[in-house]
């Protein structure tokens, strides 16, 4: 294996090793939903605040259709919140 390929493989292993881990739901803690709406996608994370840090429970990602791509900023945020809860 040549040097650039080896470096790329090591970098990829580091990225995969540091990927977010999903945690288990704790019924005693309130949930929190973080949302993000770009021009083309909506994303959200269901999380809980545990021991001073947020722990992700679920990730949601959806590409918006052509009609949704023309929504205003506030409508995009509302759509993202709706889809996250749905």
PDB file of N, CA and C in Angstrom:
ATOM      1  N   UNK A   1       0.863  -1.175   0.000  1.00  0.00           N
ATOM      2  CA  UNK A   1       0.000   0.000   0.000  1.00  0.00           C
ATOM      3  C   UNK A   1       0.907   1.235   0.000  1.00  0.00           C
ATOM      4  N   UNK A   2       0.636   2.178  -0.912  1.00  0.00           N
ATOM      5  CA  UNK A   2       1.494   3.366  -0.973  1.00  0.00           C
ATOM      6  C   UNK A   2       1.132   4.367   0.127  1.00  0.00           C
ATOM      7  N   UNK A   3       2.007   5.318   0.331  1.00  0.00           N
ATOM      8  CA  UNK A   3       1.900   6.257   1.463  1.00  0.00           C
ATOM      9  C   UNK A   3       0.600   7.082   1.469  1.00  0.00           C
ATOM     10  N   UNK A   4       0.179   7.707   0.347  1.00  0.00           N
ATOM     11  CA  UNK A   4      -1.069   8.491   0.383  1.00  0.00           C
ATOM     12  C   UNK A   4      -2.298   7.641   0.730  1.00  0.00           C
ATOM     13  N   UNK A   5      -2.341   6.419   0.224  1.00  0.00           N
ATOM     14  CA  UNK A   5      -3.476   5.544   0.518  1.00  0.00           C
ATOM     15  C   UNK A   5      -3.478   5.172   2.000  1.00  0.00           C
ATOM     16  N   UNK A   6      -2.306   4.877   2.541  1.00  0.00           N
ATOM     17  CA  UNK A   6      -2.191   4.526   3.951  1.00  0.00           C
ATOM     18  C   UNK A   6      -2.628   5.695   4.834  1.00  0.00           C
ATOM     19  N   UNK A   7      -2.199   6.918   4.494  1.00  0.00           N
ATOM     20  CA  UNK A   7      -2.587   8.099   5.272  1.00  0.00           C
ATOM     21  C   UNK A   7      -4.097   8.315   5.215  1.00  0.00           C
ATOM     22  N   UNK A   8      -4.677   8.141   4.021  1.00  0.00           N
ATOM     23  CA  UNK A   8      -6.122   8.316   3.870  1.00  0.00           C
ATOM     24  C   UNK A   8      -6.880   7.276   4.691  1.00  0.00           C
ATOM     25  N   UNK A   9      -6.380   6.043   4.700  1.00  0.00           N
ATOM     26  CA  UNK A   9      -7.019   4.993   5.481  1.00  0.00           C
ATOM     27  C   UNK A   9      -6.954   5.295   6.977  1.00  0.00           C
ATOM     28  N   UNK A  10      -5.815   5.768   7.450  1.00  0.00           N
ATOM     29  CA  UNK A  10      -5.671   6.120   8.861  1.00  0.00           C
ATOM     30  C   UNK A  10      -6.592   7.283   9.237  1.00  0.00           C
ATOM     31  N   UNK A  11      -6.705   8.263   8.339  1.00  0.00           N
ATOM     32  CA  UNK A  11      -7.590   9.404   8.588  1.00  0.00           C
ATOM     33  C   UNK A  11      -9.049   8.940   8.649  1.00  0.00           C
ATOM     34  N   UNK A  12      -9.434   8.059   7.739  1.00  0.00           N
ATOM     35  CA  UNK A  12     -10.796   7.535   7.727  1.00  0.00           C
ATOM     36  C   UNK A  12     -11.095   6.747   9.000  1.00  0.00           C
ATOM     37  N   UNK A  13     -10.152   5.957   9.463  1.00  0.00           N
ATOM     38  CA  UNK A  13     -10.347   5.206  10.709  1.00  0.00           C
ATOM     39  C   UNK A  13     -10.539   6.155  11.888  1.00  0.00           C
ATOM     40  N   UNK A  14      -9.807   7.261  11.901  1.00  0.00           N
ATOM     41  CA  UNK A  14      -9.967   8.244  12.971  1.00  0.00           C
ATOM     42  C   UNK A  14     -11.330   8.903  12.946  1.00  0.00           C
ATOM     43  N   UNK A  15     -11.806   9.229  11.755  1.00  0.00           N
ATOM     44  CA  UNK A  15     -13.122   9.859  11.615  1.00  0.00           C
ATOM     45  C   UNK A  15     -14.222   8.898  12.062  1.00  0.00           C
ATOM     46  N   UNK A  16     -14.153   7.657  11.614  1.00  0.00           N
ATOM     47  CA  UNK A  16     -15.163   6.673  11.999  1.00  0.00           C
ATOM     48  C   UNK A  16     -15.121   6.381  13.492  1.00  0.00           C
ATOM     49  N   UNK A  17     -13.938   6.387  14.056  1.00  0.00           N
ATOM     50  CA  UNK A  17     -13.803   6.122  15.486  1.00  0.00           C
ATOM     51  C   UNK A  17     -14.350   7.229  16.357  1.00  0.00           C
ATOM     52  N   UNK A  18     -14.402   8.449  15.826  1.00  0.00           N
ATOM     53  CA  UNK A  18     -14.899   9.577  16.613  1.00  0.00           C
ATOM     54  C   UNK A  18     -16.345   9.940  16.267  1.00  0.00           C
ATOM     55  N   UNK A  19     -17.022   9.094  15.497  1.00  0.00           N
ATOM     56  CA  UNK A  19     -18.412   9.353  15.118  1.00  0.00           C
ATOM     57  C   UNK A  19     -19.294   9.387  16.362  1.00  0.00           C
ATOM     58  N   UNK A  20     -20.374  10.124  16.268  1.00  0.00           N
ATOM     59  CA  UNK A  20     -21.292  10.262  17.406  1.00  0.00           C
ATOM     60  C   UNK A  20     -21.910   8.923  17.786  1.00  0.00           C
ATOM     61  N   UNK A  21     -21.949   8.681  19.065  1.00  0.00           N
ATOM     62  CA  UNK A  21     -22.624   7.500  19.590  1.00  0.00           C
ATOM     63  C   UNK A  21     -24.024   7.895  20.027  1.00  0.00           C
ATOM     64  N   UNK A  22     -24.984   7.020  19.793  1.00  0.00           N
ATOM     65  CA  UNK A  22     -26.339   7.269  20.259  1.00  0.00           C
ATOM     66  C   UNK A  22     -26.497   6.687  21.657  1.00  0.00           C
ATOM     67  N   UNK A  23     -27.212   7.399  22.504  1.00  0.00           N
ATOM     68  CA  UNK A  23     -27.401   6.993  23.889  1.00  0.00           C
ATOM     69  C   UNK A  23     -28.814   6.478  24.094  1.00  0.00           C
ATOM     70  N   UNK A  24     -29.063   5.898  25.234  1.00  0.00           N
ATOM     71  CA  UNK A  24     -30.388   5.381  25.581  1.00  0.00           C
ATOM     72  C   UNK A  24     -31.233   6.460  26.248  1.00  0.00           C
ATOM     73  N   UNK A  25     -32.523   6.384  26.016  1.00  0.00           N
ATOM     74  CA  UNK A  25     -33.492   7.323  26.577  1.00  0.00           C
ATOM     75  C   UNK A  25     -33.555   7.168  28.091  1.00  0.00           C
ATOM     76  N   UNK A  26     -33.587   8.297  28.797  1.00  0.00           N
ATOM     77  CA  UNK A  26     -33.764   8.301  30.253  1.00  0.00           C
ATOM     78  C   UNK A  26     -35.112   8.949  30.547  1.00  0.00           C
ATOM     79  N   UNK A  27     -36.068   8.168  31.051  1.00  0.00           N
ATOM     80  CA  UNK A  27     -37.424   8.674  31.317  1.00  0.00           C
ATOM     81  C   UNK A  27     -37.462   9.775  32.362  1.00  0.00           C
ATOM     82  N   UNK A  28     -36.423   9.916  33.149  1.00  0.00           N
ATOM     83  CA  UNK A  28     -36.396  10.920  34.214  1.00  0.00           C
ATOM     84  C   UNK A  28     -35.897  12.283  33.740  1.00  0.00           C
ATOM     85  N   UNK A  29     -35.458  12.375  32.492  1.00  0.00           N
ATOM     86  CA  UNK A  29     -34.925  13.636  31.962  1.00  0.00           C
ATOM     87  C   UNK A  29     -35.794  14.140  30.821  1.00  0.00           C
ATOM     88  N   UNK A  30     -35.939  15.467  30.690  1.00  0.00           N
ATOM     89  CA  UNK A  30     -36.730  16.005  29.583  1.00  0.00           C
ATOM     90  C   UNK A  30     -35.962  15.897  28.262  1.00  0.00           C
ATOM     91  N   UNK A  31     -36.679  15.689  27.162  1.00  0.00           N
ATOM     92  CA  UNK A  31     -36.018  15.657  25.857  1.00  0.00           C
ATOM     93  C   UNK A  31     -35.780  17.068  25.338  1.00  0.00           C
ATOM     94  N   UNK A  32     -34.869  17.185  24.395  1.00  0.00           N
ATOM     95  CA  UNK A  32     -34.559  18.456  23.752  1.00  0.00           C
ATOM     96  C   UNK A  32     -34.400  18.175  22.266  1.00  0.00           C
ATOM     97  N   UNK A  33     -34.977  19.015  21.422  1.00  0.00           N
ATOM     98  CA  UNK A  33     -34.850  18.840  19.978  1.00  0.00           C
ATOM     99  C   UNK A  33     -34.073  20.019  19.414  1.00  0.00           C
ATOM    100  N   UNK A  34     -32.976  19.732  18.730  1.00  0.00           N
ATOM    101  CA  UNK A  34     -32.190  20.757  18.054  1.00  0.00           C
ATOM    102  C   UNK A  34     -32.462  20.601  16.562  1.00  0.00           C
ATOM    103  N   UNK A  35     -32.808  21.699  15.888  1.00  0.00           N
ATOM    104  CA  UNK A  35     -33.147  21.629  14.469  1.00  0.00           C
ATOM    105  C   UNK A  35     -32.255  22.543  13.650  1.00  0.00           C
ATOM    106  N   UNK A  36     -32.119  22.190  12.364  1.00  0.00           N
ATOM    107  CA  UNK A  36     -31.371  23.009  11.409  1.00  0.00           C
ATOM    108  C   UNK A  36     -32.073  22.897  10.069  1.00  0.00           C
ATOM    109  N   UNK A  37     -32.326  24.027   9.428  1.00  0.00           N
ATOM    110  CA  UNK A  37     -32.983  24.033   8.125  1.00  0.00           C
ATOM    111  C   UNK A  37     -32.142  24.835   7.144  1.00  0.00           C
ATOM    112  N   UNK A  38     -31.616  24.174   6.130  1.00  0.00           N
ATOM    113  CA  UNK A  38     -30.881  24.870   5.078  1.00  0.00           C
ATOM    114  C   UNK A  38     -31.810  25.043   3.882  1.00  0.00           C
ATOM    115  N   UNK A  39     -31.285  25.528   2.769  1.00  0.00           N
ATOM    116  CA  UNK A  39     -32.107  25.695   1.572  1.00  0.00           C
ATOM    117  C   UNK A  39     -32.511  24.362   0.962  1.00  0.00           C
ATOM    118  N   UNK A  40     -31.750  23.299   1.238  1.00  0.00           N
ATOM    119  CA  UNK A  40     -32.013  22.019   0.589  1.00  0.00           C
ATOM    120  C   UNK A  40     -32.376  20.881   1.537  1.00  0.00           C
ATOM    121  N   UNK A  41     -32.054  20.998   2.821  1.00  0.00           N
ATOM    122  CA  UNK A  41     -32.291  19.891   3.749  1.00  0.00           C
ATOM    123  C   UNK A  41     -32.851  20.379   5.082  1.00  0.00           C
ATOM    124  N   UNK A  42     -33.443  19.456   5.807  1.00  0.00           N
ATOM    125  CA  UNK A  42     -33.833  19.694   7.196  1.00  0.00           C
ATOM    126  C   UNK A  42     -33.162  18.616   8.035  1.00  0.00           C
ATOM    127  N   UNK A  43     -32.651  19.013   9.193  1.00  0.00           N
ATOM    128  CA  UNK A  43     -31.948  18.085  10.074  1.00  0.00           C
ATOM    129  C   UNK A  43     -32.363  18.369  11.505  1.00  0.00           C
ATOM    130  N   UNK A  44     -32.418  17.323  12.301  1.00  0.00           N
ATOM    131  CA  UNK A  44     -32.719  17.517  13.716  1.00  0.00           C
ATOM    132  C   UNK A  44     -32.084  16.403  14.536  1.00  0.00           C
ATOM    133  N   UNK A  45     -31.901  16.713  15.816  1.00  0.00           N
ATOM    134  CA  UNK A  45     -31.332  15.761  16.762  1.00  0.00           C
ATOM    135  C   UNK A  45     -32.213  15.759  18.002  1.00  0.00           C
ATOM    136  N   UNK A  46     -32.673  14.586  18.401  1.00  0.00           N
ATOM    137  CA  UNK A  46     -33.359  14.423  19.675  1.00  0.00           C
ATOM    138  C   UNK A  46     -32.280  14.089  20.690  1.00  0.00           C
ATOM    139  N   UNK A  47     -32.225  14.850  21.774  1.00  0.00           N
ATOM    140  CA  UNK A  47     -31.146  14.676  22.742  1.00  0.00           C
ATOM    141  C   UNK A  47     -31.645  14.928  24.155  1.00  0.00           C
ATOM    142  N   UNK A  48     -30.826  14.542  25.129  1.00  0.00           N
ATOM    143  CA  UNK A  48     -31.097  14.810  26.542  1.00  0.00           C
ATOM    144  C   UNK A  48     -29.824  15.342  27.177  1.00  0.00           C
ATOM    145  N   UNK A  49     -30.001  16.234  28.154  1.00  0.00           N
ATOM    146  CA  UNK A  49     -28.879  16.833  28.874  1.00  0.00           C
ATOM    147  C   UNK A  49     -28.557  15.949  30.075  1.00  0.00           C
ATOM    148  N   UNK A  50     -27.403  15.288  30.034  1.00  0.00           N
ATOM    149  CA  UNK A  50     -27.012  14.330  31.068  1.00  0.00           C
ATOM    150  C   UNK A  50     -25.607  14.670  31.558  1.00  0.00           C
ATOM    151  N   UNK A  51     -25.472  14.844  32.860  1.00  0.00           N
ATOM    152  CA  UNK A  51     -24.157  15.096  33.471  1.00  0.00           C
ATOM    153  C   UNK A  51     -23.383  16.227  32.788  1.00  0.00           C
ATOM    154  N   UNK A  52     -24.070  17.323  32.501  1.00  0.00           N
ATOM    155  CA  UNK A  52     -23.404  18.499  31.960  1.00  0.00           C
ATOM    156  C   UNK A  52     -23.154  18.497  30.468  1.00  0.00           C
ATOM    157  N   UNK A  53     -23.704  17.531  29.740  1.00  0.00           N
ATOM    158  CA  UNK A  53     -23.527  17.541  28.286  1.00  0.00           C
ATOM    159  C   UNK A  53     -24.740  16.913  27.601  1.00  0.00           C
ATOM    160  N   UNK A  54     -24.945  17.307  26.345  1.00  0.00           N
ATOM    161  CA  UNK A  54     -26.049  16.745  25.578  1.00  0.00           C
ATOM    162  C   UNK A  54     -25.638  15.398  25.006  1.00  0.00           C
ATOM    163  N   UNK A  55     -26.536  14.417  25.127  1.00  0.00           N
ATOM    164  CA  UNK A  55     -26.312  13.093  24.570  1.00  0.00           C
ATOM    165  C   UNK A  55     -27.348  12.853  23.477  1.00  0.00           C
ATOM    166  N   UNK A  56     -26.904  12.599  22.229  1.00  0.00           N
ATOM    167  CA  UNK A  56     -27.850  12.386  21.132  1.00  0.00           C
ATOM    168  C   UNK A  56     -28.568  11.052  21.260  1.00  0.00           C
ATOM    169  N   UNK A  57     -29.863  11.080  20.998  1.00  0.00           N
ATOM    170  CA  UNK A  57     -30.686   9.875  21.047  1.00  0.00           C
ATOM    171  C   UNK A  57     -31.114   9.435  19.654  1.00  0.00           C
ATOM    172  N   UNK A  58     -31.317  10.415  18.762  1.00  0.00           N
ATOM    173  CA  UNK A  58     -31.830  10.117  17.434  1.00  0.00           C
ATOM    174  C   UNK A  58     -31.459  11.246  16.482  1.00  0.00           C
ATOM    175  N   UNK A  59     -31.042  10.893  15.274  1.00  0.00           N
ATOM    176  CA  UNK A  59     -30.756  11.876  14.230  1.00  0.00           C
ATOM    177  C   UNK A  59     -31.823  11.765  13.154  1.00  0.00           C
ATOM    178  N   UNK A  60     -32.224  12.916  12.583  1.00  0.00           N
ATOM    179  CA  UNK A  60     -33.196  12.935  11.491  1.00  0.00           C
ATOM    180  C   UNK A  60     -32.656  13.831  10.384  1.00  0.00           C
ATOM    181  N   UNK A  61     -32.754  13.364   9.136  1.00  0.00           N
ATOM    182  CA  UNK A  61     -32.277  14.120   7.984  1.00  0.00           C
ATOM    183  C   UNK A  61     -33.251  13.886   6.840  1.00  0.00           C
ATOM    184  N   UNK A  62     -33.621  14.971   6.151  1.00  0.00           N
ATOM    185  CA  UNK A  62     -34.503  14.827   4.996  1.00  0.00           C
ATOM    186  C   UNK A  62     -34.185  15.911   3.981  1.00  0.00           C
ATOM    187  N   UNK A  63     -34.121  15.507   2.742  1.00  0.00           N
ATOM    188  CA  UNK A  63     -33.932  16.462   1.653  1.00  0.00           C
ATOM    189  C   UNK A  63     -35.295  17.073   1.337  1.00  0.00           C
ATOM    190  N   UNK A  64     -35.310  18.391   1.174  1.00  0.00           N
ATOM    191  CA  UNK A  64     -36.586  19.069   0.912  1.00  0.00           C
ATOM    192  C   UNK A  64     -36.945  18.973  -0.560  1.00  0.00           C
ATOM    193  N   UNK A  65     -38.250  18.922  -0.844  1.00  0.00           N
ATOM    194  CA  UNK A  65     -38.679  18.889  -2.238  1.00  0.00           C
ATOM    195  C   UNK A  65     -38.651  20.304  -2.826  1.00  0.00           C
ATOM    196  N   UNK A  66     -38.961  20.435  -4.098  1.00  0.00           N
ATOM    197  CA  UNK A  66     -38.856  21.732  -4.785  1.00  0.00           C
ATOM    198  C   UNK A  66     -39.754  22.798  -4.167  1.00  0.00           C
ATOM    199  N   UNK A  67     -40.955  22.432  -3.762  1.00  0.00           N
ATOM    200  CA  UNK A  67     -41.863  23.399  -3.138  1.00  0.00           C
ATOM    201  C   UNK A  67     -41.315  23.868  -1.801  1.00  0.00           C
ATOM    202  N   UNK A  68     -40.858  22.939  -0.983  1.00  0.00           N
ATOM    203  CA  UNK A  68     -40.313  23.284   0.332  1.00  0.00           C
ATOM    204  C   UNK A  68     -39.038  24.116   0.213  1.00  0.00           C
ATOM    205  N   UNK A  69     -38.306  23.961  -0.874  1.00  0.00           N
ATOM    206  CA  UNK A  69     -37.062  24.720  -1.067  1.00  0.00           C
ATOM    207  C   UNK A  69     -37.335  26.214  -1.208  1.00  0.00           C
ATOM    208  N   UNK A  70     -38.570  26.580  -1.541  1.00  0.00           N
ATOM    209  CA  UNK A  70     -38.921  27.999  -1.698  1.00  0.00           C
ATOM    210  C   UNK A  70     -39.531  28.604  -0.433  1.00  0.00           C
ATOM    211  N   UNK A  71     -39.633  27.841   0.635  1.00  0.00           N
ATOM    212  CA  UNK A  71     -40.204  28.344   1.887  1.00  0.00           C
ATOM    213  C   UNK A  71     -39.339  29.455   2.473  1.00  0.00           C
ATOM    214  N   UNK A  72     -39.978  30.350   3.205  1.00  0.00           N
ATOM    215  CA  UNK A  72     -39.249  31.398   3.924  1.00  0.00           C
ATOM    216  C   UNK A  72     -38.467  30.765   5.076  1.00  0.00           C
ATOM    217  N   UNK A  73     -37.581  31.545   5.673  1.00  0.00           N
ATOM    218  CA  UNK A  73     -36.763  31.033   6.774  1.00  0.00           C
ATOM    219  C   UNK A  73     -37.621  30.533   7.925  1.00  0.00           C
ATOM    220  N   UNK A  74     -38.624  31.318   8.317  1.00  0.00           N
ATOM    221  CA  UNK A  74     -39.472  30.894   9.440  1.00  0.00           C
ATOM    222  C   UNK A  74     -40.279  29.647   9.085  1.00  0.00           C
ATOM    223  N   UNK A  75     -40.730  29.540   7.847  1.00  0.00           N
ATOM    224  CA  UNK A  75     -41.472  28.347   7.429  1.00  0.00           C
ATOM    225  C   UNK A  75     -40.568  27.120   7.389  1.00  0.00           C
ATOM    226  N   UNK A  76     -39.303  27.305   6.988  1.00  0.00           N
ATOM    227  CA  UNK A  76     -38.345  26.188   6.991  1.00  0.00           C
ATOM    228  C   UNK A  76     -38.122  25.685   8.412  1.00  0.00           C
ATOM    229  N   UNK A  77     -37.991  26.625   9.354  1.00  0.00           N
ATOM    230  CA  UNK A  77     -37.784  26.233  10.753  1.00  0.00           C
ATOM    231  C   UNK A  77     -39.007  25.500  11.296  1.00  0.00           C
ATOM    232  N   UNK A  78     -40.180  25.989  10.965  1.00  0.00           N
ATOM    233  CA  UNK A  78     -41.408  25.334  11.409  1.00  0.00           C
ATOM    234  C   UNK A  78     -41.530  23.937  10.797  1.00  0.00           C
ATOM    235  N   UNK A  79     -41.218  23.803   9.516  1.00  0.00           N
ATOM    236  CA  UNK A  79     -41.249  22.501   8.853  1.00  0.00           C
ATOM    237  C   UNK A  79     -40.277  21.530   9.521  1.00  0.00           C
ATOM    238  N   UNK A  80     -39.090  22.003   9.838  1.00  0.00           N
ATOM    239  CA  UNK A  80     -38.086  21.148  10.482  1.00  0.00           C
ATOM    240  C   UNK A  80     -38.578  20.668  11.838  1.00  0.00           C
ATOM    241  N   UNK A  81     -39.169  21.558  12.617  1.00  0.00           N
ATOM    242  CA  UNK A  81     -39.701  21.173  13.929  1.00  0.00           C
ATOM    243  C   UNK A  81     -40.842  20.173  13.778  1.00  0.00           C
ATOM    244  N   UNK A  82     -41.722  20.418  12.821  1.00  0.00           N
ATOM    245  CA  UNK A  82     -42.842  19.509  12.585  1.00  0.00           C
ATOM    246  C   UNK A  82     -42.345  18.117  12.200  1.00  0.00           C
ATOM    247  N   UNK A  83     -41.409  18.045  11.255  1.00  0.00           N
ATOM    248  CA  UNK A  83     -40.901  16.747  10.809  1.00  0.00           C
ATOM    249  C   UNK A  83     -40.144  16.019  11.915  1.00  0.00           C
ATOM    250  N   UNK A  84     -39.472  16.766  12.772  1.00  0.00           N
ATOM    251  CA  UNK A  84     -38.732  16.142  13.877  1.00  0.00           C
ATOM    252  C   UNK A  84     -39.682  15.489  14.868  1.00  0.00           C
ATOM    253  N   UNK A  85     -40.827  16.136  15.113  1.00  0.00           N
ATOM    254  CA  UNK A  85     -41.790  15.614  16.084  1.00  0.00           C
ATOM    255  C   UNK A  85     -42.650  14.513  15.472  1.00  0.00           C
ATOM    256  N   UNK A  86     -42.939  14.651  14.197  1.00  0.00           N
ATOM    257  CA  UNK A  86     -43.786  13.690  13.488  1.00  0.00           C
ATOM    258  C   UNK A  86     -43.155  12.321  13.546  1.00  0.00           C
TER     259      UNK A  86
END
